Amino acid sequence: MPHISSVSYSGTGCPSSAPGVVRSGGFAEPAFRLGGFEARVPDGAQTVHCQVHVQAAGASPGWQLGLESVTVRGHVVLDPGAAVDYYVTSFFSQDADRTVTIKGTIPNDGDGRLDRDVASTTRIPGASMVWGPCTREGSGGDVGLLNVNFRVALQTGGGGDKYAYFGRGGVDNALPAESWTYAWRRC
């Protein structure tokens, strides 16, 4: 049965020197809570990112793994006209030139300040999916080193005095989080 054999983190939102990431879930649906992930303007970082590097093993020979969907959760506070753009980029280290990036936007098109928890799931179209190396007999079921980078960029529409925030918050002061699902194919 496939299992995660190692995980490491890098980026401004999850520096490897800090214990800011809490992993939960098994191989099939890993989840990561990001304790240091916060973007805020005008008085903070406009963009922040966290890259998770996952090595997995235990797959049967003759299969490839691909990232199928990503769900991101967090808390936003946006003045009218502000927005949060988020990007998820994935690739396998064995073929780092082949990447896929999905983008989403959470806008405040209203007249008042938006202050709420958000969750968004994005599926990667099958034709765009990036596949890991084919598992081989005697490889221990190594599916490759999957890298998933989650980045947010706050947009204020040119208004320097507008406020925008993405990070922890809400009634339970929940941490920003991401979770994934995978697809498999024969190779």
N, C-alpha and C. Protein backbone atom coordinates (compact mmCIF):
# COMPACT_ATOMS: atom_id res chain seq x y z
N MET A 1 0.84 -1.18 0.00
CA MET A 1 0.00 0.00 0.00
C MET A 1 0.89 1.25 0.00
N PRO A 2 0.60 2.23 -0.87
CA PRO A 2 1.40 3.45 -0.91
C PRO A 2 1.35 4.19 0.43
N HIS A 3 2.48 4.81 0.76
CA HIS A 3 2.56 5.60 1.98
C HIS A 3 3.58 6.72 1.78
N ILE A 4 3.42 7.79 2.54
CA ILE A 4 4.37 8.89 2.49
C ILE A 4 5.61 8.48 3.28
N SER A 5 6.77 8.54 2.61
CA SER A 5 8.01 8.15 3.29
C SER A 5 8.79 9.35 3.81
N SER A 6 8.60 10.52 3.22
CA SER A 6 9.22 11.73 3.76
C SER A 6 8.49 12.97 3.25
N VAL A 7 8.52 14.01 4.07
CA VAL A 7 7.92 15.29 3.73
C VAL A 7 8.87 16.39 4.20
N SER A 8 9.07 17.39 3.35
CA SER A 8 9.81 18.58 3.77
C SER A 8 9.09 19.80 3.20
N TYR A 9 9.46 20.97 3.72
CA TYR A 9 8.76 22.20 3.38
C TYR A 9 9.77 23.30 3.09
N SER A 10 9.36 24.24 2.24
CA SER A 10 10.18 25.42 2.00
C SER A 10 9.26 26.55 1.58
N GLY A 11 9.74 27.78 1.78
CA GLY A 11 8.97 28.93 1.37
C GLY A 11 8.73 29.90 2.51
N THR A 12 8.31 31.10 2.16
CA THR A 12 8.08 32.15 3.15
C THR A 12 6.94 31.81 4.10
N GLY A 13 6.00 30.99 3.65
CA GLY A 13 4.85 30.63 4.48
C GLY A 13 5.05 29.38 5.29
N CYS A 14 6.17 28.70 5.10
CA CYS A 14 6.44 27.47 5.87
C CYS A 14 7.93 27.19 5.88
N PRO A 15 8.72 28.09 6.47
CA PRO A 15 10.17 27.84 6.48
C PRO A 15 10.51 26.53 7.16
N SER A 16 11.49 25.83 6.61
CA SER A 16 11.84 24.51 7.13
C SER A 16 12.42 24.58 8.54
N SER A 17 12.88 25.75 8.96
CA SER A 17 13.47 25.89 10.29
C SER A 17 12.41 26.04 11.38
N ALA A 18 11.17 26.24 11.01
CA ALA A 18 10.11 26.45 12.00
C ALA A 18 9.11 25.30 11.94
N PRO A 19 8.59 24.90 13.08
CA PRO A 19 7.59 23.82 13.07
C PRO A 19 6.20 24.35 12.74
N GLY A 20 6.10 25.07 11.63
CA GLY A 20 4.86 25.75 11.31
C GLY A 20 3.87 24.95 10.50
N VAL A 21 4.19 23.71 10.13
CA VAL A 21 3.30 22.90 9.32
C VAL A 21 2.88 21.67 10.10
N VAL A 22 1.58 21.42 10.12
CA VAL A 22 1.05 20.22 10.77
C VAL A 22 0.44 19.35 9.68
N ARG A 23 0.98 18.14 9.52
CA ARG A 23 0.46 17.22 8.50
C ARG A 23 -0.55 16.28 9.14
N SER A 24 -1.63 16.02 8.41
CA SER A 24 -2.62 15.04 8.85
C SER A 24 -3.09 14.26 7.64
N GLY A 25 -3.91 13.26 7.86
CA GLY A 25 -4.38 12.43 6.76
C GLY A 25 -3.30 11.47 6.31
N GLY A 26 -3.72 10.47 5.59
CA GLY A 26 -2.79 9.48 5.08
C GLY A 26 -2.33 9.82 3.69
N PHE A 27 -1.80 8.82 3.01
CA PHE A 27 -1.29 9.03 1.66
C PHE A 27 -2.40 9.46 0.70
N ALA A 28 -3.57 8.85 0.82
CA ALA A 28 -4.64 9.09 -0.15
C ALA A 28 -5.13 10.54 -0.15
N GLU A 29 -5.18 11.18 1.01
CA GLU A 29 -5.63 12.56 1.09
C GLU A 29 -4.84 13.31 2.15
N PRO A 30 -3.59 13.65 1.84
CA PRO A 30 -2.80 14.38 2.83
C PRO A 30 -3.33 15.80 3.00
N ALA A 31 -3.19 16.32 4.20
CA ALA A 31 -3.61 17.68 4.51
C ALA A 31 -2.49 18.36 5.28
N PHE A 32 -2.35 19.65 5.07
CA PHE A 32 -1.28 20.42 5.68
C PHE A 32 -1.85 21.72 6.23
N ARG A 33 -1.72 21.94 7.54
CA ARG A 33 -2.12 23.21 8.16
C ARG A 33 -0.87 24.07 8.28
N LEU A 34 -0.98 25.30 7.81
CA LEU A 34 0.19 26.17 7.63
C LEU A 34 0.20 27.28 8.68
N GLY A 35 0.91 27.06 9.78
CA GLY A 35 0.90 27.98 10.90
C GLY A 35 1.52 29.33 10.63
N GLY A 36 2.46 29.43 9.71
CA GLY A 36 3.13 30.70 9.43
C GLY A 36 2.69 31.35 8.15
N PHE A 37 1.57 30.92 7.59
CA PHE A 37 1.15 31.37 6.27
C PHE A 37 0.21 32.56 6.42
N GLU A 38 0.73 33.76 6.11
CA GLU A 38 -0.09 34.96 6.26
C GLU A 38 0.39 36.03 5.30
N ALA A 39 -0.55 36.60 4.56
CA ALA A 39 -0.26 37.74 3.68
C ALA A 39 -1.19 38.87 4.11
N ARG A 40 -0.64 40.10 4.12
CA ARG A 40 -1.42 41.24 4.59
C ARG A 40 -0.88 42.50 3.92
N VAL A 41 -1.75 43.32 3.38
CA VAL A 41 -1.36 44.64 2.87
C VAL A 41 -2.34 45.66 3.42
N PRO A 42 -1.92 46.87 3.70
CA PRO A 42 -0.64 47.43 3.27
C PRO A 42 0.53 47.19 4.22
N ASP A 43 0.34 46.58 5.37
CA ASP A 43 1.39 46.53 6.39
C ASP A 43 2.05 45.16 6.55
N GLY A 44 2.24 44.43 5.46
CA GLY A 44 2.87 43.11 5.57
C GLY A 44 3.28 42.61 4.20
N ALA A 45 3.47 41.30 4.10
CA ALA A 45 3.87 40.67 2.84
C ALA A 45 2.67 40.57 1.91
N GLN A 46 2.82 41.03 0.67
CA GLN A 46 1.74 40.97 -0.31
C GLN A 46 1.58 39.57 -0.87
N THR A 47 2.67 38.83 -0.90
CA THR A 47 2.61 37.46 -1.41
C THR A 47 3.36 36.54 -0.45
N VAL A 48 2.89 35.30 -0.35
CA VAL A 48 3.51 34.30 0.51
C VAL A 48 3.30 32.95 -0.14
N HIS A 49 4.24 32.03 0.08
CA HIS A 49 4.10 30.70 -0.53
C HIS A 49 4.66 29.62 0.39
N CYS A 50 4.18 28.41 0.14
CA CYS A 50 4.66 27.23 0.85
C CYS A 50 4.77 26.09 -0.16
N GLN A 51 5.96 25.53 -0.27
CA GLN A 51 6.15 24.38 -1.15
C GLN A 51 6.34 23.13 -0.29
N VAL A 52 5.53 22.12 -0.57
CA VAL A 52 5.59 20.84 0.13
C VAL A 52 6.24 19.84 -0.81
N HIS A 53 7.24 19.12 -0.30
CA HIS A 53 7.97 18.12 -1.08
C HIS A 53 7.64 16.76 -0.47
N VAL A 54 6.95 15.91 -1.22
CA VAL A 54 6.48 14.63 -0.70
C VAL A 54 7.12 13.48 -1.48
N GLN A 55 7.76 12.59 -0.75
CA GLN A 55 8.29 11.35 -1.31
C GLN A 55 7.39 10.22 -0.83
N ALA A 56 6.95 9.39 -1.75
CA ALA A 56 6.07 8.27 -1.39
C ALA A 56 6.63 6.98 -1.95
N ALA A 57 6.27 5.89 -1.32
CA ALA A 57 6.73 4.56 -1.73
C ALA A 57 5.60 3.57 -1.49
N GLY A 58 5.84 2.32 -1.91
CA GLY A 58 4.89 1.25 -1.65
C GLY A 58 3.86 1.01 -2.74
N ALA A 59 3.99 1.68 -3.88
CA ALA A 59 3.04 1.46 -4.97
C ALA A 59 3.41 0.20 -5.75
N SER A 60 2.44 -0.44 -6.33
CA SER A 60 2.68 -1.62 -7.16
C SER A 60 3.41 -1.20 -8.44
N PRO A 61 4.23 -2.08 -9.01
CA PRO A 61 4.91 -1.77 -10.26
C PRO A 61 3.91 -1.49 -11.39
N GLY A 62 4.30 -0.59 -12.29
CA GLY A 62 3.50 -0.31 -13.47
C GLY A 62 2.44 0.76 -13.29
N TRP A 63 2.63 1.65 -12.32
CA TRP A 63 1.66 2.72 -12.09
C TRP A 63 2.36 4.07 -12.02
N GLN A 64 1.61 5.11 -12.39
CA GLN A 64 2.06 6.49 -12.26
C GLN A 64 1.06 7.26 -11.41
N LEU A 65 1.58 8.23 -10.66
CA LEU A 65 0.78 9.07 -9.78
C LEU A 65 0.74 10.48 -10.34
N GLY A 66 -0.42 11.12 -10.24
CA GLY A 66 -0.56 12.52 -10.62
C GLY A 66 -1.43 13.26 -9.62
N LEU A 67 -1.16 14.53 -9.41
CA LEU A 67 -1.98 15.35 -8.53
C LEU A 67 -3.28 15.67 -9.27
N GLU A 68 -4.42 15.33 -8.65
CA GLU A 68 -5.72 15.47 -9.30
C GLU A 68 -6.48 16.72 -8.86
N SER A 69 -6.46 17.02 -7.57
CA SER A 69 -7.17 18.20 -7.09
C SER A 69 -6.49 18.76 -5.85
N VAL A 70 -6.72 20.04 -5.63
CA VAL A 70 -6.18 20.73 -4.47
C VAL A 70 -7.31 21.55 -3.85
N THR A 71 -7.46 21.43 -2.54
CA THR A 71 -8.41 22.25 -1.79
C THR A 71 -7.61 23.16 -0.88
N VAL A 72 -7.90 24.45 -0.94
CA VAL A 72 -7.24 25.42 -0.05
C VAL A 72 -8.30 26.04 0.85
N ARG A 73 -7.89 26.30 2.10
CA ARG A 73 -8.78 26.92 3.07
C ARG A 73 -8.02 28.02 3.79
N GLY A 74 -8.75 29.05 4.16
CA GLY A 74 -8.14 30.14 4.92
C GLY A 74 -9.18 31.15 5.29
N HIS A 75 -8.72 32.25 5.82
CA HIS A 75 -9.62 33.35 6.20
C HIS A 75 -9.19 34.58 5.41
N VAL A 76 -10.16 35.27 4.82
CA VAL A 76 -9.86 36.49 4.08
C VAL A 76 -10.55 37.67 4.73
N VAL A 77 -9.88 38.81 4.64
CA VAL A 77 -10.48 40.11 4.95
C VAL A 77 -10.09 40.99 3.77
N LEU A 78 -11.09 41.47 3.05
CA LEU A 78 -10.82 42.23 1.83
C LEU A 78 -11.68 43.49 1.80
N ASP A 79 -11.05 44.63 1.60
CA ASP A 79 -11.79 45.85 1.36
C ASP A 79 -12.42 45.76 -0.03
N PRO A 80 -13.46 46.55 -0.31
CA PRO A 80 -14.07 46.54 -1.65
C PRO A 80 -13.01 46.79 -2.73
N GLY A 81 -13.05 45.98 -3.77
CA GLY A 81 -12.11 46.09 -4.87
C GLY A 81 -10.83 45.29 -4.69
N ALA A 82 -10.61 44.74 -3.51
CA ALA A 82 -9.42 43.92 -3.26
C ALA A 82 -9.73 42.46 -3.59
N ALA A 83 -8.68 41.67 -3.76
CA ALA A 83 -8.86 40.25 -4.10
C ALA A 83 -7.64 39.46 -3.63
N VAL A 84 -7.84 38.16 -3.50
CA VAL A 84 -6.76 37.23 -3.25
C VAL A 84 -6.65 36.34 -4.49
N ASP A 85 -5.51 36.35 -5.14
CA ASP A 85 -5.22 35.38 -6.19
C ASP A 85 -4.43 34.26 -5.55
N TYR A 86 -4.78 33.01 -5.86
CA TYR A 86 -3.99 31.90 -5.34
C TYR A 86 -3.59 31.00 -6.49
N TYR A 87 -2.41 30.42 -6.35
CA TYR A 87 -1.81 29.58 -7.38
C TYR A 87 -1.33 28.29 -6.74
N VAL A 88 -1.55 27.19 -7.42
CA VAL A 88 -0.99 25.91 -7.00
C VAL A 88 -0.21 25.36 -8.19
N THR A 89 1.08 25.17 -8.00
CA THR A 89 1.96 24.64 -9.04
C THR A 89 2.48 23.29 -8.57
N SER A 90 2.41 22.29 -9.44
CA SER A 90 2.93 20.98 -9.06
C SER A 90 3.85 20.44 -10.15
N PHE A 91 4.84 19.66 -9.69
CA PHE A 91 5.76 18.99 -10.60
C PHE A 91 6.46 17.88 -9.83
N PHE A 92 7.03 16.95 -10.57
CA PHE A 92 7.87 15.90 -9.99
C PHE A 92 9.32 16.27 -10.23
N SER A 93 10.17 16.11 -9.22
CA SER A 93 11.59 16.47 -9.34
C SER A 93 12.27 15.73 -10.48
N GLN A 94 11.81 14.51 -10.79
CA GLN A 94 12.42 13.72 -11.84
C GLN A 94 12.19 14.32 -13.22
N ASP A 95 11.21 15.22 -13.36
CA ASP A 95 10.90 15.86 -14.63
C ASP A 95 10.42 17.28 -14.34
N ALA A 96 11.31 18.08 -13.74
CA ALA A 96 10.93 19.40 -13.23
C ALA A 96 10.51 20.39 -14.31
N ASP A 97 10.82 20.11 -15.57
CA ASP A 97 10.39 21.00 -16.65
C ASP A 97 8.89 20.88 -16.93
N ARG A 98 8.29 19.79 -16.52
CA ARG A 98 6.85 19.58 -16.74
C ARG A 98 6.11 20.00 -15.48
N THR A 99 5.44 21.14 -15.56
CA THR A 99 4.69 21.65 -14.42
C THR A 99 3.27 21.96 -14.84
N VAL A 100 2.41 22.06 -13.86
CA VAL A 100 1.05 22.54 -14.10
C VAL A 100 0.75 23.55 -12.99
N THR A 101 0.15 24.66 -13.38
CA THR A 101 -0.25 25.69 -12.41
C THR A 101 -1.74 25.94 -12.58
N ILE A 102 -2.44 25.92 -11.46
CA ILE A 102 -3.85 26.28 -11.46
C ILE A 102 -4.00 27.56 -10.65
N LYS A 103 -4.90 28.42 -11.10
CA LYS A 103 -5.08 29.73 -10.45
C LYS A 103 -6.54 29.92 -10.09
N GLY A 104 -6.76 30.54 -8.95
CA GLY A 104 -8.10 30.92 -8.54
C GLY A 104 -8.06 32.32 -7.96
N THR A 105 -9.21 32.95 -7.90
CA THR A 105 -9.32 34.30 -7.35
C THR A 105 -10.51 34.38 -6.42
N ILE A 106 -10.30 35.04 -5.29
CA ILE A 106 -11.39 35.33 -4.36
C ILE A 106 -11.49 36.85 -4.32
N PRO A 107 -12.50 37.42 -5.01
CA PRO A 107 -12.60 38.88 -5.07
C PRO A 107 -13.61 39.43 -4.06
N ASN A 108 -13.49 40.70 -3.77
CA ASN A 108 -14.56 41.41 -3.07
C ASN A 108 -15.12 42.43 -4.04
N ASP A 109 -16.21 42.04 -4.69
CA ASP A 109 -16.87 42.91 -5.66
C ASP A 109 -17.98 43.74 -5.02
N GLY A 110 -18.15 43.60 -3.71
CA GLY A 110 -19.23 44.29 -3.02
C GLY A 110 -18.85 45.68 -2.56
N ASP A 111 -19.75 46.27 -1.77
CA ASP A 111 -19.55 47.63 -1.26
C ASP A 111 -18.95 47.67 0.14
N GLY A 112 -19.03 46.55 0.87
CA GLY A 112 -18.52 46.52 2.24
C GLY A 112 -17.34 45.58 2.36
N ARG A 113 -16.70 45.61 3.51
CA ARG A 113 -15.55 44.75 3.77
C ARG A 113 -16.01 43.29 3.84
N LEU A 114 -15.28 42.41 3.18
CA LEU A 114 -15.52 40.97 3.20
C LEU A 114 -14.62 40.38 4.28
N ASP A 115 -15.20 39.61 5.21
CA ASP A 115 -14.46 39.04 6.34
C ASP A 115 -15.04 37.66 6.59
N ARG A 116 -14.40 36.61 6.00
CA ARG A 116 -15.00 35.28 6.12
C ARG A 116 -13.97 34.19 5.85
N ASP A 117 -14.33 32.98 6.28
CA ASP A 117 -13.56 31.80 5.93
C ASP A 117 -13.86 31.43 4.49
N VAL A 118 -12.86 30.93 3.79
CA VAL A 118 -13.04 30.53 2.39
C VAL A 118 -12.45 29.14 2.19
N ALA A 119 -13.02 28.42 1.25
CA ALA A 119 -12.50 27.12 0.82
C ALA A 119 -12.74 27.01 -0.67
N SER A 120 -11.75 26.52 -1.38
CA SER A 120 -11.89 26.37 -2.82
C SER A 120 -11.17 25.10 -3.27
N THR A 121 -11.86 24.29 -4.05
CA THR A 121 -11.28 23.07 -4.61
C THR A 121 -11.12 23.24 -6.11
N THR A 122 -9.94 22.96 -6.60
CA THR A 122 -9.66 23.05 -8.03
C THR A 122 -9.17 21.71 -8.52
N ARG A 123 -9.80 21.22 -9.58
CA ARG A 123 -9.39 19.96 -10.20
C ARG A 123 -8.49 20.27 -11.38
N ILE A 124 -7.44 19.49 -11.52
CA ILE A 124 -6.53 19.64 -12.65
C ILE A 124 -7.09 18.81 -13.80
N PRO A 125 -7.34 19.43 -14.95
CA PRO A 125 -7.87 18.67 -16.09
C PRO A 125 -6.94 17.52 -16.46
N GLY A 126 -7.51 16.39 -16.83
CA GLY A 126 -6.73 15.19 -17.14
C GLY A 126 -5.62 15.43 -18.15
N ALA A 127 -5.89 16.22 -19.18
CA ALA A 127 -4.89 16.47 -20.21
C ALA A 127 -3.73 17.33 -19.70
N SER A 128 -3.95 18.06 -18.61
CA SER A 128 -2.92 18.94 -18.04
C SER A 128 -2.17 18.30 -16.88
N MET A 129 -2.65 17.16 -16.41
CA MET A 129 -2.06 16.53 -15.24
C MET A 129 -0.61 16.15 -15.49
N VAL A 130 0.23 16.38 -14.49
CA VAL A 130 1.64 16.00 -14.56
C VAL A 130 1.79 14.67 -13.84
N TRP A 131 2.43 13.71 -14.51
CA TRP A 131 2.55 12.35 -13.97
C TRP A 131 3.96 12.08 -13.49
N GLY A 132 4.07 11.35 -12.41
CA GLY A 132 5.36 10.94 -11.87
C GLY A 132 5.95 9.80 -12.69
N PRO A 133 7.14 9.35 -12.30
CA PRO A 133 7.76 8.24 -13.02
C PRO A 133 6.97 6.94 -12.84
N CYS A 134 7.10 6.06 -13.80
CA CYS A 134 6.44 4.76 -13.73
C CYS A 134 7.12 3.91 -12.65
N THR A 135 6.33 3.38 -11.74
CA THR A 135 6.91 2.54 -10.69
C THR A 135 7.44 1.26 -11.32
N ARG A 136 8.60 0.80 -10.81
CA ARG A 136 9.26 -0.37 -11.37
C ARG A 136 9.41 -1.45 -10.31
N GLU A 137 9.53 -2.66 -10.78
CA GLU A 137 9.83 -3.80 -9.90
C GLU A 137 11.17 -3.53 -9.22
N GLY A 138 11.24 -3.76 -7.93
CA GLY A 138 12.49 -3.59 -7.19
C GLY A 138 12.78 -2.16 -6.76
N SER A 139 11.88 -1.22 -7.05
CA SER A 139 12.12 0.18 -6.68
C SER A 139 11.50 0.54 -5.33
N GLY A 140 10.85 -0.43 -4.70
CA GLY A 140 10.17 -0.13 -3.45
C GLY A 140 8.88 0.63 -3.66
N GLY A 141 8.43 0.67 -4.91
CA GLY A 141 7.18 1.39 -5.21
C GLY A 141 7.33 2.89 -5.19
N ASP A 142 8.56 3.38 -5.45
CA ASP A 142 8.83 4.82 -5.46
C ASP A 142 8.00 5.49 -6.54
N VAL A 143 7.18 6.47 -6.15
CA VAL A 143 6.33 7.17 -7.11
C VAL A 143 6.93 8.51 -7.53
N GLY A 144 8.11 8.83 -7.03
CA GLY A 144 8.76 10.09 -7.37
C GLY A 144 8.59 11.12 -6.27
N LEU A 145 9.32 12.22 -6.41
CA LEU A 145 9.27 13.31 -5.45
C LEU A 145 8.32 14.37 -5.99
N LEU A 146 7.14 14.45 -5.39
CA LEU A 146 6.11 15.41 -5.80
C LEU A 146 6.32 16.72 -5.05
N ASN A 147 6.31 17.81 -5.79
CA ASN A 147 6.45 19.15 -5.22
C ASN A 147 5.18 19.92 -5.51
N VAL A 148 4.57 20.47 -4.48
CA VAL A 148 3.34 21.25 -4.64
C VAL A 148 3.56 22.61 -3.97
N ASN A 149 3.50 23.67 -4.75
CA ASN A 149 3.71 25.02 -4.26
C ASN A 149 2.37 25.75 -4.22
N PHE A 150 1.99 26.24 -3.03
CA PHE A 150 0.76 27.02 -2.85
C PHE A 150 1.20 28.46 -2.57
N ARG A 151 0.68 29.40 -3.38
CA ARG A 151 1.06 30.80 -3.24
C ARG A 151 -0.17 31.67 -3.29
N VAL A 152 -0.22 32.69 -2.45
CA VAL A 152 -1.27 33.70 -2.55
C VAL A 152 -0.62 35.04 -2.85
N ALA A 153 -1.35 35.86 -3.60
CA ALA A 153 -0.93 37.22 -3.91
C ALA A 153 -2.14 38.13 -3.71
N LEU A 154 -1.98 39.12 -2.86
CA LEU A 154 -3.08 40.04 -2.57
C LEU A 154 -3.10 41.15 -3.62
N GLN A 155 -4.28 41.48 -4.09
CA GLN A 155 -4.47 42.52 -5.10
C GLN A 155 -5.35 43.61 -4.50
N THR A 156 -4.90 44.86 -4.61
CA THR A 156 -5.69 45.97 -4.06
C THR A 156 -6.15 46.94 -5.13
N GLY A 157 -5.99 46.57 -6.38
CA GLY A 157 -6.50 47.41 -7.46
C GLY A 157 -5.85 48.78 -7.54
N GLY A 158 -4.61 48.87 -7.11
CA GLY A 158 -3.90 50.14 -7.20
C GLY A 158 -4.17 51.08 -6.04
N GLY A 159 -5.12 50.74 -5.19
CA GLY A 159 -5.43 51.59 -4.03
C GLY A 159 -4.51 51.27 -2.88
N GLY A 160 -3.54 52.12 -2.61
CA GLY A 160 -2.56 51.86 -1.58
C GLY A 160 -3.12 51.81 -0.17
N ASP A 161 -4.31 52.35 0.04
CA ASP A 161 -4.87 52.35 1.39
C ASP A 161 -5.87 51.22 1.62
N LYS A 162 -6.08 50.37 0.63
CA LYS A 162 -7.01 49.24 0.80
C LYS A 162 -6.35 48.15 1.64
N TYR A 163 -7.18 47.47 2.41
CA TYR A 163 -6.70 46.40 3.27
C TYR A 163 -7.05 45.06 2.64
N ALA A 164 -6.10 44.13 2.68
CA ALA A 164 -6.34 42.77 2.20
C ALA A 164 -5.55 41.82 3.09
N TYR A 165 -6.14 40.66 3.39
CA TYR A 165 -5.52 39.70 4.30
C TYR A 165 -5.92 38.29 3.89
N PHE A 166 -4.97 37.35 3.98
CA PHE A 166 -5.25 35.93 3.87
C PHE A 166 -4.39 35.25 4.92
N GLY A 167 -5.03 34.41 5.76
CA GLY A 167 -4.29 33.70 6.78
C GLY A 167 -5.23 33.00 7.74
N ARG A 168 -4.84 32.93 9.01
CA ARG A 168 -5.66 32.27 10.01
C ARG A 168 -6.78 33.22 10.43
N GLY A 169 -7.85 32.64 10.96
CA GLY A 169 -8.93 33.49 11.42
C GLY A 169 -10.24 32.74 11.51
N GLY A 170 -11.31 33.49 11.58
CA GLY A 170 -12.64 32.91 11.72
C GLY A 170 -12.99 32.66 13.16
N VAL A 171 -14.13 32.06 13.37
CA VAL A 171 -14.64 31.80 14.71
C VAL A 171 -13.66 30.95 15.51
N ASP A 172 -13.08 29.94 14.88
CA ASP A 172 -12.17 29.04 15.59
C ASP A 172 -10.68 29.38 15.37
N ASN A 173 -10.40 30.54 14.76
CA ASN A 173 -9.03 30.97 14.50
C ASN A 173 -8.22 29.89 13.78
N ALA A 174 -8.86 29.24 12.82
CA ALA A 174 -8.25 28.11 12.10
C ALA A 174 -7.07 28.57 11.25
N LEU A 175 -6.09 27.67 11.13
CA LEU A 175 -4.93 27.91 10.29
C LEU A 175 -5.28 27.73 8.82
N PRO A 176 -4.61 28.45 7.92
CA PRO A 176 -4.75 28.14 6.50
C PRO A 176 -4.33 26.69 6.26
N ALA A 177 -4.95 26.06 5.28
CA ALA A 177 -4.67 24.64 5.04
C ALA A 177 -4.81 24.32 3.57
N GLU A 178 -4.16 23.24 3.18
CA GLU A 178 -4.35 22.68 1.84
C GLU A 178 -4.43 21.17 1.96
N SER A 179 -5.20 20.58 1.07
CA SER A 179 -5.29 19.12 1.00
C SER A 179 -5.34 18.73 -0.47
N TRP A 180 -4.97 17.48 -0.76
CA TRP A 180 -4.84 17.01 -2.13
C TRP A 180 -5.55 15.69 -2.33
N THR A 181 -5.86 15.41 -3.59
CA THR A 181 -6.23 14.06 -4.00
C THR A 181 -5.38 13.71 -5.22
N TYR A 182 -5.22 12.42 -5.45
CA TYR A 182 -4.37 11.92 -6.53
C TYR A 182 -5.19 11.13 -7.54
N ALA A 183 -4.57 10.95 -8.70
CA ALA A 183 -5.08 10.03 -9.71
C ALA A 183 -3.95 9.05 -10.04
N TRP A 184 -4.33 7.86 -10.46
CA TRP A 184 -3.37 6.83 -10.86
C TRP A 184 -3.65 6.43 -12.30
N ARG A 185 -2.61 6.03 -13.01
CA ARG A 185 -2.80 5.45 -14.34
C ARG A 185 -1.74 4.39 -14.57
N ARG A 186 -2.08 3.42 -15.42
CA ARG A 186 -1.15 2.36 -15.81
C ARG A 186 -0.10 2.93 -16.75
N CYS A 187 1.10 2.41 -16.64
CA CYS A 187 2.17 2.86 -17.53
C CYS A 187 2.98 1.66 -18.02
